Amino acid sequence: MPAPAVVGNAVLIVVDIQGGEVPDDVSRSEIAQMGGRHERAARVERLIDACREHGVPVVFIQEVHKPSLVDIGRELDGAEGPHCVEGWPETELAPWVKPRPEEFLIRKRRYSAFFGTELEIVLKAYRAETVLLIGGLTDVCVHYTAVDAHQHDYHVRVLTDCVGGSSREAHAYALRAIEYLQRDALVTSDQVFSWLEQQPRS
């Protein structure tokens, strides 16, 4: 399988891999999720380590809302109930997602990681041209982050086996919508690992 068409400097954006150490069946987060999240974890962890080894910056995104939900806006008008509430263990990053001190952890209040955050400043600092997107949900935060990256003129690469949606159907439709914006947007982790192997180690 050929390596993806990564243009210039790339940055890996880890979108909302949260949940802390709270089991799914007792989580208070009222967001449906398609299965396979735990199966993807090892692949994602290996990808993060590989990017670090090859000098590809990793930026972590975490959705957080105040307990009063004053900052949640229209997010409760759709299918989702309260989620990512500050102080809930479920809102913390997954325990195996461990940003290093020199890496950026960006908190957001809306679905897109660009909206009202410093992400654009960080990407400019890294002179990014391509963004690699992993995490969730494919049809919500990954989708809207991909759309905004496209509108900011970045090359978007969504790793299809490192994202998960609110359902299989929603996941598939979101990927099709992203591919509609950029024909080369959909790649696999194997393709990215192949590309990384061609990069010098840092």
N, C-alpha and C. Protein backbone atom coordinates (compact mmCIF):
# COMPACT_ATOMS: atom_id res chain seq x y z
N MET A 1 0.85 -1.18 0.00
CA MET A 1 0.00 0.00 0.00
C MET A 1 0.89 1.24 0.00
N PRO A 2 0.68 2.19 -0.92
CA PRO A 2 1.56 3.35 -1.01
C PRO A 2 1.40 4.28 0.19
N ALA A 3 2.47 5.01 0.48
CA ALA A 3 2.41 6.00 1.54
C ALA A 3 1.48 7.13 1.13
N PRO A 4 0.86 7.80 2.09
CA PRO A 4 -0.06 8.88 1.75
C PRO A 4 0.68 10.09 1.20
N ALA A 5 -0.05 10.94 0.50
CA ALA A 5 0.55 12.15 -0.07
C ALA A 5 0.62 13.22 1.02
N VAL A 6 1.62 13.12 1.86
CA VAL A 6 1.84 14.12 2.90
C VAL A 6 2.65 15.26 2.28
N VAL A 7 2.13 16.46 2.39
CA VAL A 7 2.76 17.62 1.77
C VAL A 7 3.48 18.43 2.85
N GLY A 8 4.77 18.64 2.68
CA GLY A 8 5.52 19.48 3.61
C GLY A 8 5.52 18.94 5.03
N ASN A 9 5.56 19.85 5.98
CA ASN A 9 5.58 19.47 7.40
C ASN A 9 4.22 18.96 7.83
N ALA A 10 4.21 17.86 8.57
CA ALA A 10 2.96 17.28 9.07
C ALA A 10 2.88 17.43 10.58
N VAL A 11 1.66 17.52 11.08
CA VAL A 11 1.39 17.52 12.51
C VAL A 11 0.28 16.52 12.78
N LEU A 12 0.47 15.67 13.79
CA LEU A 12 -0.57 14.72 14.20
C LEU A 12 -1.46 15.40 15.23
N ILE A 13 -2.77 15.43 14.96
CA ILE A 13 -3.74 16.02 15.88
C ILE A 13 -4.58 14.90 16.47
N VAL A 14 -4.49 14.73 17.79
CA VAL A 14 -5.20 13.68 18.51
C VAL A 14 -6.47 14.30 19.09
N VAL A 15 -7.61 13.98 18.49
CA VAL A 15 -8.86 14.66 18.80
C VAL A 15 -9.68 13.89 19.84
N ASP A 16 -9.80 14.46 21.01
CA ASP A 16 -10.78 14.03 22.02
C ASP A 16 -10.74 12.54 22.36
N ILE A 17 -9.55 12.00 22.55
CA ILE A 17 -9.48 10.61 23.04
C ILE A 17 -9.55 10.70 24.55
N GLN A 18 -10.77 10.68 25.05
CA GLN A 18 -11.06 10.95 26.45
C GLN A 18 -11.80 9.77 27.10
N GLY A 19 -12.17 9.93 28.32
CA GLY A 19 -12.89 8.88 29.04
C GLY A 19 -12.23 8.52 30.35
N GLY A 20 -10.99 9.01 30.54
CA GLY A 20 -10.27 8.69 31.77
C GLY A 20 -10.18 7.20 31.98
N GLU A 21 -10.33 6.77 33.21
CA GLU A 21 -10.31 5.34 33.52
C GLU A 21 -11.71 4.82 33.81
N VAL A 22 -12.73 5.56 33.40
CA VAL A 22 -14.12 5.19 33.68
C VAL A 22 -14.61 4.19 32.64
N PRO A 23 -15.11 3.02 33.05
CA PRO A 23 -15.64 2.05 32.08
C PRO A 23 -16.81 2.64 31.30
N ASP A 24 -16.94 2.25 30.05
CA ASP A 24 -17.99 2.79 29.19
C ASP A 24 -19.38 2.60 29.79
N ASP A 25 -19.61 1.47 30.46
CA ASP A 25 -20.97 1.17 30.93
C ASP A 25 -21.39 2.00 32.14
N VAL A 26 -20.47 2.73 32.75
CA VAL A 26 -20.85 3.58 33.88
C VAL A 26 -20.53 5.05 33.61
N SER A 27 -20.07 5.35 32.41
CA SER A 27 -19.73 6.73 32.07
C SER A 27 -20.99 7.59 32.03
N ARG A 28 -20.88 8.81 32.56
CA ARG A 28 -22.00 9.76 32.52
C ARG A 28 -22.07 10.52 31.21
N SER A 29 -21.07 10.39 30.36
CA SER A 29 -21.04 11.12 29.10
C SER A 29 -22.14 10.59 28.19
N GLU A 30 -23.06 11.45 27.80
CA GLU A 30 -24.22 11.03 27.02
C GLU A 30 -23.95 11.17 25.52
N ILE A 31 -22.94 10.41 25.05
CA ILE A 31 -22.60 10.40 23.64
C ILE A 31 -22.51 8.95 23.19
N ALA A 32 -23.26 8.63 22.16
CA ALA A 32 -23.17 7.28 21.61
C ALA A 32 -21.84 7.11 20.88
N GLN A 33 -21.28 5.91 20.92
CA GLN A 33 -20.02 5.64 20.21
C GLN A 33 -20.07 4.25 19.60
N MET A 34 -19.60 4.17 18.35
CA MET A 34 -19.51 2.87 17.70
C MET A 34 -18.46 2.02 18.41
N GLY A 35 -18.55 0.74 18.27
CA GLY A 35 -17.60 -0.16 18.92
C GLY A 35 -16.22 -0.08 18.33
N GLY A 36 -15.29 -0.75 18.99
CA GLY A 36 -13.93 -0.84 18.49
C GLY A 36 -12.97 0.16 19.06
N ARG A 37 -13.43 1.00 19.98
CA ARG A 37 -12.57 2.05 20.52
C ARG A 37 -11.35 1.46 21.20
N HIS A 38 -11.56 0.42 21.98
CA HIS A 38 -10.44 -0.18 22.72
C HIS A 38 -9.49 -0.93 21.79
N GLU A 39 -10.03 -1.49 20.72
CA GLU A 39 -9.18 -2.19 19.75
C GLU A 39 -8.29 -1.20 19.00
N ARG A 40 -8.78 0.02 18.81
CA ARG A 40 -7.98 1.04 18.12
C ARG A 40 -6.88 1.62 19.00
N ALA A 41 -7.01 1.46 20.31
CA ALA A 41 -6.11 2.14 21.24
C ALA A 41 -4.64 1.78 21.02
N ALA A 42 -4.33 0.50 20.86
CA ALA A 42 -2.94 0.08 20.69
C ALA A 42 -2.35 0.67 19.41
N ARG A 43 -3.15 0.70 18.35
CA ARG A 43 -2.69 1.26 17.08
C ARG A 43 -2.40 2.75 17.22
N VAL A 44 -3.30 3.45 17.89
CA VAL A 44 -3.13 4.90 18.08
C VAL A 44 -1.92 5.19 18.95
N GLU A 45 -1.76 4.43 20.02
CA GLU A 45 -0.61 4.63 20.91
C GLU A 45 0.70 4.42 20.15
N ARG A 46 0.74 3.40 19.31
CA ARG A 46 1.94 3.12 18.51
C ARG A 46 2.19 4.24 17.50
N LEU A 47 1.12 4.79 16.95
CA LEU A 47 1.26 5.89 15.99
C LEU A 47 1.82 7.14 16.65
N ILE A 48 1.31 7.46 17.83
CA ILE A 48 1.81 8.63 18.56
C ILE A 48 3.30 8.48 18.83
N ASP A 49 3.71 7.30 19.29
CA ASP A 49 5.13 7.07 19.57
C ASP A 49 5.97 7.17 18.29
N ALA A 50 5.46 6.64 17.18
CA ALA A 50 6.21 6.69 15.92
C ALA A 50 6.37 8.12 15.43
N CYS A 51 5.33 8.94 15.57
CA CYS A 51 5.43 10.34 15.17
C CYS A 51 6.50 11.04 16.01
N ARG A 52 6.51 10.79 17.28
CA ARG A 52 7.52 11.40 18.14
C ARG A 52 8.92 10.99 17.71
N GLU A 53 9.09 9.70 17.41
CA GLU A 53 10.40 9.19 17.04
C GLU A 53 10.93 9.82 15.75
N HIS A 54 10.00 10.22 14.88
CA HIS A 54 10.39 10.76 13.58
C HIS A 54 10.20 12.27 13.48
N GLY A 55 10.05 12.91 14.62
CA GLY A 55 10.00 14.37 14.64
C GLY A 55 8.73 15.00 14.13
N VAL A 56 7.63 14.24 14.08
CA VAL A 56 6.34 14.80 13.70
C VAL A 56 5.65 15.29 14.96
N PRO A 57 5.39 16.59 15.08
CA PRO A 57 4.76 17.11 16.30
C PRO A 57 3.40 16.48 16.55
N VAL A 58 3.09 16.28 17.82
CA VAL A 58 1.80 15.73 18.22
C VAL A 58 1.08 16.78 19.06
N VAL A 59 -0.16 17.10 18.67
CA VAL A 59 -0.99 18.07 19.39
C VAL A 59 -2.23 17.35 19.90
N PHE A 60 -2.52 17.51 21.17
CA PHE A 60 -3.65 16.82 21.80
C PHE A 60 -4.80 17.81 22.01
N ILE A 61 -6.02 17.34 21.71
CA ILE A 61 -7.22 18.15 21.85
C ILE A 61 -8.12 17.50 22.90
N GLN A 62 -8.71 18.33 23.75
CA GLN A 62 -9.61 17.84 24.80
C GLN A 62 -10.83 18.75 24.88
N GLU A 63 -12.00 18.20 24.67
CA GLU A 63 -13.23 18.98 24.83
C GLU A 63 -13.60 19.05 26.30
N VAL A 64 -13.88 20.25 26.79
CA VAL A 64 -14.21 20.47 28.20
C VAL A 64 -15.30 21.52 28.30
N HIS A 65 -16.28 21.27 29.20
CA HIS A 65 -17.34 22.24 29.47
C HIS A 65 -17.49 22.45 30.97
N LYS A 66 -17.87 23.66 31.36
CA LYS A 66 -18.11 23.98 32.76
C LYS A 66 -19.30 23.18 33.27
N PRO A 67 -19.31 22.84 34.58
CA PRO A 67 -20.44 22.08 35.13
C PRO A 67 -21.79 22.76 34.91
N SER A 68 -21.80 24.07 34.84
CA SER A 68 -23.06 24.79 34.60
C SER A 68 -23.53 24.65 33.16
N LEU A 69 -22.63 24.17 32.28
CA LEU A 69 -22.89 24.04 30.83
C LEU A 69 -23.13 25.38 30.16
N VAL A 70 -22.70 26.47 30.80
CA VAL A 70 -22.86 27.79 30.22
C VAL A 70 -22.12 27.93 28.90
N ASP A 71 -21.10 27.10 28.70
CA ASP A 71 -20.25 27.21 27.51
C ASP A 71 -20.53 26.13 26.47
N ILE A 72 -21.60 25.37 26.63
CA ILE A 72 -21.84 24.24 25.73
C ILE A 72 -22.63 24.67 24.49
N GLY A 73 -23.21 25.86 24.52
CA GLY A 73 -23.89 26.38 23.34
C GLY A 73 -25.02 25.50 22.85
N ARG A 74 -25.06 25.27 21.54
CA ARG A 74 -26.15 24.52 20.92
C ARG A 74 -25.87 23.02 20.86
N GLU A 75 -24.80 22.56 21.53
CA GLU A 75 -24.44 21.15 21.42
C GLU A 75 -25.53 20.22 21.96
N LEU A 76 -26.40 20.72 22.84
CA LEU A 76 -27.45 19.87 23.40
C LEU A 76 -28.72 19.87 22.55
N ASP A 77 -28.69 20.61 21.44
CA ASP A 77 -29.85 20.63 20.56
C ASP A 77 -29.95 19.39 19.67
N GLY A 78 -28.84 18.64 19.58
CA GLY A 78 -28.82 17.45 18.74
C GLY A 78 -29.01 16.18 19.54
N ALA A 79 -28.33 15.13 19.14
CA ALA A 79 -28.51 13.82 19.76
C ALA A 79 -27.72 13.67 21.06
N GLU A 80 -26.76 14.56 21.30
CA GLU A 80 -25.88 14.40 22.46
C GLU A 80 -26.46 15.05 23.71
N GLY A 81 -26.30 14.36 24.82
CA GLY A 81 -26.62 14.93 26.12
C GLY A 81 -25.37 15.55 26.72
N PRO A 82 -25.41 15.94 27.99
CA PRO A 82 -24.22 16.53 28.63
C PRO A 82 -23.01 15.61 28.50
N HIS A 83 -21.85 16.21 28.25
CA HIS A 83 -20.63 15.44 28.02
C HIS A 83 -19.42 16.34 28.26
N CYS A 84 -18.29 15.70 28.52
CA CYS A 84 -17.02 16.41 28.68
C CYS A 84 -17.11 17.52 29.72
N VAL A 85 -17.73 17.21 30.83
CA VAL A 85 -17.92 18.19 31.89
C VAL A 85 -16.67 18.28 32.76
N GLU A 86 -16.22 19.50 33.00
CA GLU A 86 -15.03 19.74 33.82
C GLU A 86 -15.23 19.12 35.20
N GLY A 87 -14.23 18.36 35.65
CA GLY A 87 -14.30 17.71 36.95
C GLY A 87 -14.76 16.27 36.89
N TRP A 88 -15.41 15.86 35.80
CA TRP A 88 -15.79 14.46 35.64
C TRP A 88 -14.54 13.65 35.27
N PRO A 89 -14.33 12.50 35.89
CA PRO A 89 -13.22 11.65 35.46
C PRO A 89 -13.33 11.25 33.98
N GLU A 90 -14.57 11.15 33.50
CA GLU A 90 -14.79 10.77 32.10
C GLU A 90 -14.24 11.80 31.12
N THR A 91 -14.04 13.01 31.58
CA THR A 91 -13.58 14.09 30.70
C THR A 91 -12.07 14.07 30.51
N GLU A 92 -11.37 13.39 31.41
CA GLU A 92 -9.91 13.33 31.31
C GLU A 92 -9.49 12.52 30.08
N LEU A 93 -8.29 12.78 29.60
CA LEU A 93 -7.76 11.98 28.50
C LEU A 93 -7.71 10.52 28.90
N ALA A 94 -7.81 9.64 27.90
CA ALA A 94 -7.64 8.20 28.17
C ALA A 94 -6.29 8.01 28.88
N PRO A 95 -6.21 7.07 29.79
CA PRO A 95 -4.99 6.94 30.61
C PRO A 95 -3.72 6.67 29.82
N TRP A 96 -3.84 6.12 28.63
CA TRP A 96 -2.66 5.84 27.82
C TRP A 96 -2.31 7.01 26.89
N VAL A 97 -3.11 8.06 26.91
CA VAL A 97 -2.82 9.27 26.13
C VAL A 97 -2.10 10.24 27.08
N LYS A 98 -0.80 10.37 26.90
CA LYS A 98 0.02 11.12 27.85
C LYS A 98 0.86 12.18 27.13
N PRO A 99 0.30 13.39 26.99
CA PRO A 99 1.10 14.46 26.38
C PRO A 99 2.38 14.71 27.17
N ARG A 100 3.44 14.96 26.45
CA ARG A 100 4.71 15.29 27.09
C ARG A 100 4.73 16.78 27.42
N PRO A 101 5.59 17.20 28.36
CA PRO A 101 5.61 18.61 28.75
C PRO A 101 5.81 19.57 27.58
N GLU A 102 6.58 19.16 26.59
CA GLU A 102 6.86 20.05 25.47
C GLU A 102 5.76 20.04 24.41
N GLU A 103 4.75 19.18 24.56
CA GLU A 103 3.67 19.08 23.58
C GLU A 103 2.47 19.93 24.01
N PHE A 104 1.67 20.30 23.04
CA PHE A 104 0.51 21.14 23.31
C PHE A 104 -0.72 20.28 23.61
N LEU A 105 -1.43 20.65 24.68
CA LEU A 105 -2.75 20.11 25.00
C LEU A 105 -3.72 21.28 24.93
N ILE A 106 -4.59 21.24 23.94
CA ILE A 106 -5.49 22.35 23.68
C ILE A 106 -6.91 21.96 24.10
N ARG A 107 -7.50 22.77 24.96
CA ARG A 107 -8.89 22.55 25.37
C ARG A 107 -9.82 23.35 24.48
N LYS A 108 -10.92 22.73 24.13
CA LYS A 108 -11.89 23.40 23.26
C LYS A 108 -13.28 23.34 23.85
N ARG A 109 -14.13 24.27 23.41
CA ARG A 109 -15.51 24.35 23.90
C ARG A 109 -16.53 24.01 22.82
N ARG A 110 -16.04 23.78 21.61
CA ARG A 110 -16.91 23.46 20.49
C ARG A 110 -16.34 22.24 19.77
N TYR A 111 -17.07 21.77 18.76
CA TYR A 111 -16.66 20.55 18.08
C TYR A 111 -15.34 20.71 17.34
N SER A 112 -15.18 21.80 16.60
CA SER A 112 -13.94 22.00 15.84
C SER A 112 -12.80 22.38 16.77
N ALA A 113 -11.65 21.76 16.57
CA ALA A 113 -10.47 22.09 17.37
C ALA A 113 -9.90 23.46 17.01
N PHE A 114 -10.38 24.07 15.93
CA PHE A 114 -9.94 25.40 15.53
C PHE A 114 -10.76 26.50 16.19
N PHE A 115 -12.00 26.19 16.56
CA PHE A 115 -12.96 27.23 16.94
C PHE A 115 -12.64 27.77 18.33
N GLY A 116 -12.19 29.02 18.37
CA GLY A 116 -11.93 29.67 19.66
C GLY A 116 -10.73 29.12 20.41
N THR A 117 -9.79 28.48 19.72
CA THR A 117 -8.61 27.91 20.38
C THR A 117 -7.34 28.47 19.75
N GLU A 118 -6.20 28.07 20.31
CA GLU A 118 -4.91 28.49 19.78
C GLU A 118 -4.34 27.52 18.75
N LEU A 119 -5.14 26.60 18.23
CA LEU A 119 -4.61 25.58 17.32
C LEU A 119 -3.95 26.21 16.09
N GLU A 120 -4.54 27.23 15.52
CA GLU A 120 -3.96 27.83 14.32
C GLU A 120 -2.58 28.42 14.63
N ILE A 121 -2.42 29.03 15.79
CA ILE A 121 -1.12 29.57 16.19
C ILE A 121 -0.10 28.44 16.31
N VAL A 122 -0.51 27.33 16.91
CA VAL A 122 0.39 26.19 17.10
C VAL A 122 0.80 25.61 15.75
N LEU A 123 -0.14 25.44 14.85
CA LEU A 123 0.18 24.88 13.53
C LEU A 123 1.11 25.81 12.75
N LYS A 124 0.91 27.10 12.88
CA LYS A 124 1.81 28.04 12.22
C LYS A 124 3.21 27.95 12.82
N ALA A 125 3.29 27.76 14.14
CA ALA A 125 4.59 27.64 14.79
C ALA A 125 5.35 26.42 14.27
N TYR A 126 4.63 25.35 13.99
CA TYR A 126 5.24 24.14 13.44
C TYR A 126 5.39 24.20 11.91
N ARG A 127 4.96 25.29 11.30
CA ARG A 127 4.99 25.44 9.84
C ARG A 127 4.30 24.25 9.15
N ALA A 128 3.17 23.88 9.72
CA ALA A 128 2.44 22.71 9.21
C ALA A 128 1.81 22.99 7.86
N GLU A 129 1.84 21.99 7.01
CA GLU A 129 1.13 22.02 5.74
C GLU A 129 0.11 20.89 5.66
N THR A 130 0.39 19.78 6.34
CA THR A 130 -0.52 18.64 6.38
C THR A 130 -0.89 18.33 7.82
N VAL A 131 -2.18 18.11 8.07
CA VAL A 131 -2.61 17.67 9.40
C VAL A 131 -3.10 16.23 9.30
N LEU A 132 -2.63 15.39 10.22
CA LEU A 132 -3.06 14.01 10.34
C LEU A 132 -4.05 13.95 11.49
N LEU A 133 -5.26 13.50 11.24
CA LEU A 133 -6.31 13.52 12.25
C LEU A 133 -6.66 12.11 12.71
N ILE A 134 -6.67 11.94 14.03
CA ILE A 134 -7.12 10.68 14.65
C ILE A 134 -8.00 11.02 15.84
N GLY A 135 -8.80 10.05 16.31
CA GLY A 135 -9.62 10.27 17.50
C GLY A 135 -11.10 10.16 17.21
N GLY A 136 -11.88 11.01 17.86
CA GLY A 136 -13.32 10.90 17.70
C GLY A 136 -14.03 12.23 17.97
N LEU A 137 -15.26 12.24 17.67
CA LEU A 137 -15.97 11.27 16.85
C LEU A 137 -15.81 11.63 15.38
N THR A 138 -15.77 10.62 14.53
CA THR A 138 -15.56 10.86 13.10
C THR A 138 -16.57 11.84 12.54
N ASP A 139 -17.84 11.69 12.93
CA ASP A 139 -18.92 12.49 12.36
C ASP A 139 -19.13 13.81 13.07
N VAL A 140 -18.38 14.06 14.13
CA VAL A 140 -18.58 15.30 14.87
C VAL A 140 -17.25 16.06 14.94
N CYS A 141 -16.47 15.84 15.98
CA CYS A 141 -15.27 16.67 16.19
C CYS A 141 -14.19 16.45 15.13
N VAL A 142 -14.00 15.22 14.68
CA VAL A 142 -13.02 14.98 13.62
C VAL A 142 -13.50 15.64 12.32
N HIS A 143 -14.77 15.45 12.00
CA HIS A 143 -15.32 16.03 10.77
C HIS A 143 -15.17 17.55 10.75
N TYR A 144 -15.61 18.21 11.82
CA TYR A 144 -15.59 19.67 11.81
C TYR A 144 -14.18 20.23 11.93
N THR A 145 -13.29 19.50 12.57
CA THR A 145 -11.89 19.92 12.58
C THR A 145 -11.29 19.77 11.19
N ALA A 146 -11.64 18.69 10.49
CA ALA A 146 -11.16 18.48 9.12
C ALA A 146 -11.67 19.58 8.19
N VAL A 147 -12.94 19.95 8.33
CA VAL A 147 -13.52 21.01 7.50
C VAL A 147 -12.79 22.33 7.74
N ASP A 148 -12.55 22.67 9.00
CA ASP A 148 -11.86 23.93 9.28
C ASP A 148 -10.41 23.88 8.82
N ALA A 149 -9.75 22.72 8.95
CA ALA A 149 -8.38 22.59 8.43
C ALA A 149 -8.38 22.83 6.93
N HIS A 150 -9.37 22.27 6.24
CA HIS A 150 -9.50 22.47 4.80
C HIS A 150 -9.67 23.95 4.47
N GLN A 151 -10.51 24.63 5.24
CA GLN A 151 -10.78 26.04 4.98
C GLN A 151 -9.61 26.93 5.35
N HIS A 152 -8.71 26.42 6.19
CA HIS A 152 -7.46 27.13 6.50
C HIS A 152 -6.34 26.73 5.53
N ASP A 153 -6.70 25.95 4.51
CA ASP A 153 -5.77 25.56 3.43
C ASP A 153 -4.72 24.54 3.84
N TYR A 154 -5.01 23.72 4.83
CA TYR A 154 -4.12 22.60 5.15
C TYR A 154 -4.51 21.39 4.31
N HIS A 155 -3.53 20.55 4.05
CA HIS A 155 -3.82 19.24 3.48
C HIS A 155 -4.30 18.36 4.63
N VAL A 156 -5.44 17.73 4.47
CA VAL A 156 -6.06 16.94 5.53
C VAL A 156 -5.90 15.46 5.23
N ARG A 157 -5.44 14.71 6.24
CA ARG A 157 -5.34 13.26 6.13
C ARG A 157 -5.99 12.65 7.37
N VAL A 158 -7.12 12.00 7.18
CA VAL A 158 -7.83 11.33 8.27
C VAL A 158 -7.48 9.85 8.23
N LEU A 159 -6.96 9.33 9.32
CA LEU A 159 -6.58 7.92 9.39
C LEU A 159 -7.83 7.11 9.71
N THR A 160 -8.36 6.45 8.70
CA THR A 160 -9.69 5.85 8.81
C THR A 160 -9.78 4.74 9.85
N ASP A 161 -8.65 4.09 10.17
CA ASP A 161 -8.67 3.03 11.18
C ASP A 161 -8.24 3.53 12.54
N CYS A 162 -8.14 4.86 12.68
CA CYS A 162 -7.78 5.47 13.97
C CYS A 162 -8.82 6.49 14.39
N VAL A 163 -10.01 6.42 13.79
CA VAL A 163 -11.12 7.28 14.18
C VAL A 163 -12.37 6.41 14.36
N GLY A 164 -13.27 6.88 15.19
CA GLY A 164 -14.53 6.17 15.40
C GLY A 164 -15.67 7.16 15.52
N GLY A 165 -16.85 6.76 15.02
CA GLY A 165 -17.99 7.66 15.02
C GLY A 165 -19.04 7.31 16.05
N SER A 166 -20.16 8.03 15.98
CA SER A 166 -21.27 7.76 16.88
C SER A 166 -22.02 6.49 16.47
N SER A 167 -21.83 6.08 15.22
CA SER A 167 -22.36 4.82 14.71
C SER A 167 -21.56 4.48 13.46
N ARG A 168 -21.65 3.25 13.00
CA ARG A 168 -20.93 2.87 11.78
C ARG A 168 -21.42 3.68 10.58
N GLU A 169 -22.72 3.89 10.52
CA GLU A 169 -23.28 4.64 9.40
C GLU A 169 -22.78 6.08 9.43
N ALA A 170 -22.85 6.72 10.59
CA ALA A 170 -22.40 8.11 10.70
C ALA A 170 -20.91 8.22 10.40
N HIS A 171 -20.12 7.27 10.86
CA HIS A 171 -18.68 7.21 10.58
C HIS A 171 -18.43 7.18 9.07
N ALA A 172 -19.15 6.30 8.38
CA ALA A 172 -18.94 6.15 6.94
C ALA A 172 -19.35 7.40 6.18
N TYR A 173 -20.48 8.00 6.55
CA TYR A 173 -20.94 9.20 5.86
C TYR A 173 -19.99 10.37 6.09
N ALA A 174 -19.45 10.47 7.30
CA ALA A 174 -18.51 11.55 7.59
C ALA A 174 -17.24 11.42 6.77
N LEU A 175 -16.73 10.20 6.66
CA LEU A 175 -15.53 9.99 5.84
C LEU A 175 -15.80 10.37 4.39
N ARG A 176 -16.97 10.02 3.89
CA ARG A 176 -17.30 10.38 2.51
C ARG A 176 -17.37 11.90 2.35
N ALA A 177 -17.90 12.60 3.35
CA ALA A 177 -18.00 14.05 3.27
C ALA A 177 -16.62 14.70 3.30
N ILE A 178 -15.72 14.14 4.11
CA ILE A 178 -14.35 14.67 4.17
C ILE A 178 -13.63 14.44 2.85
N GLU A 179 -13.81 13.25 2.29
CA GLU A 179 -13.18 12.93 1.01
C GLU A 179 -13.72 13.82 -0.11
N TYR A 180 -14.96 14.24 0.01
CA TYR A 180 -15.54 15.14 -0.98
C TYR A 180 -14.76 16.46 -1.02
N LEU A 181 -14.30 16.91 0.16
CA LEU A 181 -13.54 18.17 0.23
C LEU A 181 -12.13 18.01 -0.31
N GLN A 182 -11.48 16.89 0.04
CA GLN A 182 -10.11 16.64 -0.42
C GLN A 182 -10.01 15.18 -0.85
N ARG A 183 -9.73 14.96 -2.11
CA ARG A 183 -9.79 13.61 -2.66
C ARG A 183 -8.76 12.67 -2.03
N ASP A 184 -7.66 13.21 -1.49
CA ASP A 184 -6.63 12.36 -0.90
C ASP A 184 -6.72 12.29 0.62
N ALA A 185 -7.85 12.72 1.17
CA ALA A 185 -7.94 12.89 2.62
C ALA A 185 -7.95 11.59 3.42
N LEU A 186 -8.43 10.51 2.84
CA LEU A 186 -8.60 9.27 3.60
C LEU A 186 -7.40 8.36 3.42
N VAL A 187 -6.75 8.04 4.54
CA VAL A 187 -5.59 7.16 4.54
C VAL A 187 -5.74 6.16 5.68
N THR A 188 -4.84 5.21 5.73
CA THR A 188 -4.83 4.23 6.82
C THR A 188 -3.57 4.43 7.67
N SER A 189 -3.58 3.85 8.84
CA SER A 189 -2.39 3.94 9.70
C SER A 189 -1.20 3.24 9.05
N ASP A 190 -1.44 2.14 8.32
CA ASP A 190 -0.33 1.46 7.64
C ASP A 190 0.35 2.40 6.64
N GLN A 191 -0.44 3.18 5.93
CA GLN A 191 0.14 4.13 4.98
C GLN A 191 0.98 5.19 5.71
N VAL A 192 0.49 5.65 6.85
CA VAL A 192 1.23 6.66 7.60
C VAL A 192 2.48 6.06 8.21
N PHE A 193 2.40 4.84 8.70
CA PHE A 193 3.61 4.18 9.22
C PHE A 193 4.64 4.03 8.10
N SER A 194 4.19 3.70 6.90
CA SER A 194 5.12 3.59 5.77
C SER A 194 5.78 4.93 5.47
N TRP A 195 4.99 5.99 5.52
CA TRP A 195 5.55 7.32 5.30
C TRP A 195 6.55 7.69 6.40
N LEU A 196 6.21 7.37 7.63
CA LEU A 196 7.10 7.69 8.74
C LEU A 196 8.45 6.97 8.61
N GLU A 197 8.41 5.75 8.12
CA GLU A 197 9.66 4.99 7.96
C GLU A 197 10.61 5.65 6.97
N GLN A 198 10.07 6.50 6.11
CA GLN A 198 10.90 7.22 5.15
C GLN A 198 11.47 8.51 5.71
N GLN A 199 11.02 8.89 6.92
CA GLN A 199 11.46 10.14 7.53
C GLN A 199 12.65 9.88 8.47
N PRO A 200 13.55 10.86 8.61
CA PRO A 200 14.66 10.66 9.54
C PRO A 200 14.16 10.63 10.98
N ARG A 201 14.88 9.92 11.80
CA ARG A 201 14.54 9.89 13.23
C ARG A 201 15.05 11.14 13.91
N SER A 202 14.29 11.62 14.87
CA SER A 202 14.68 12.86 15.55
C SER A 202 15.67 12.57 16.68
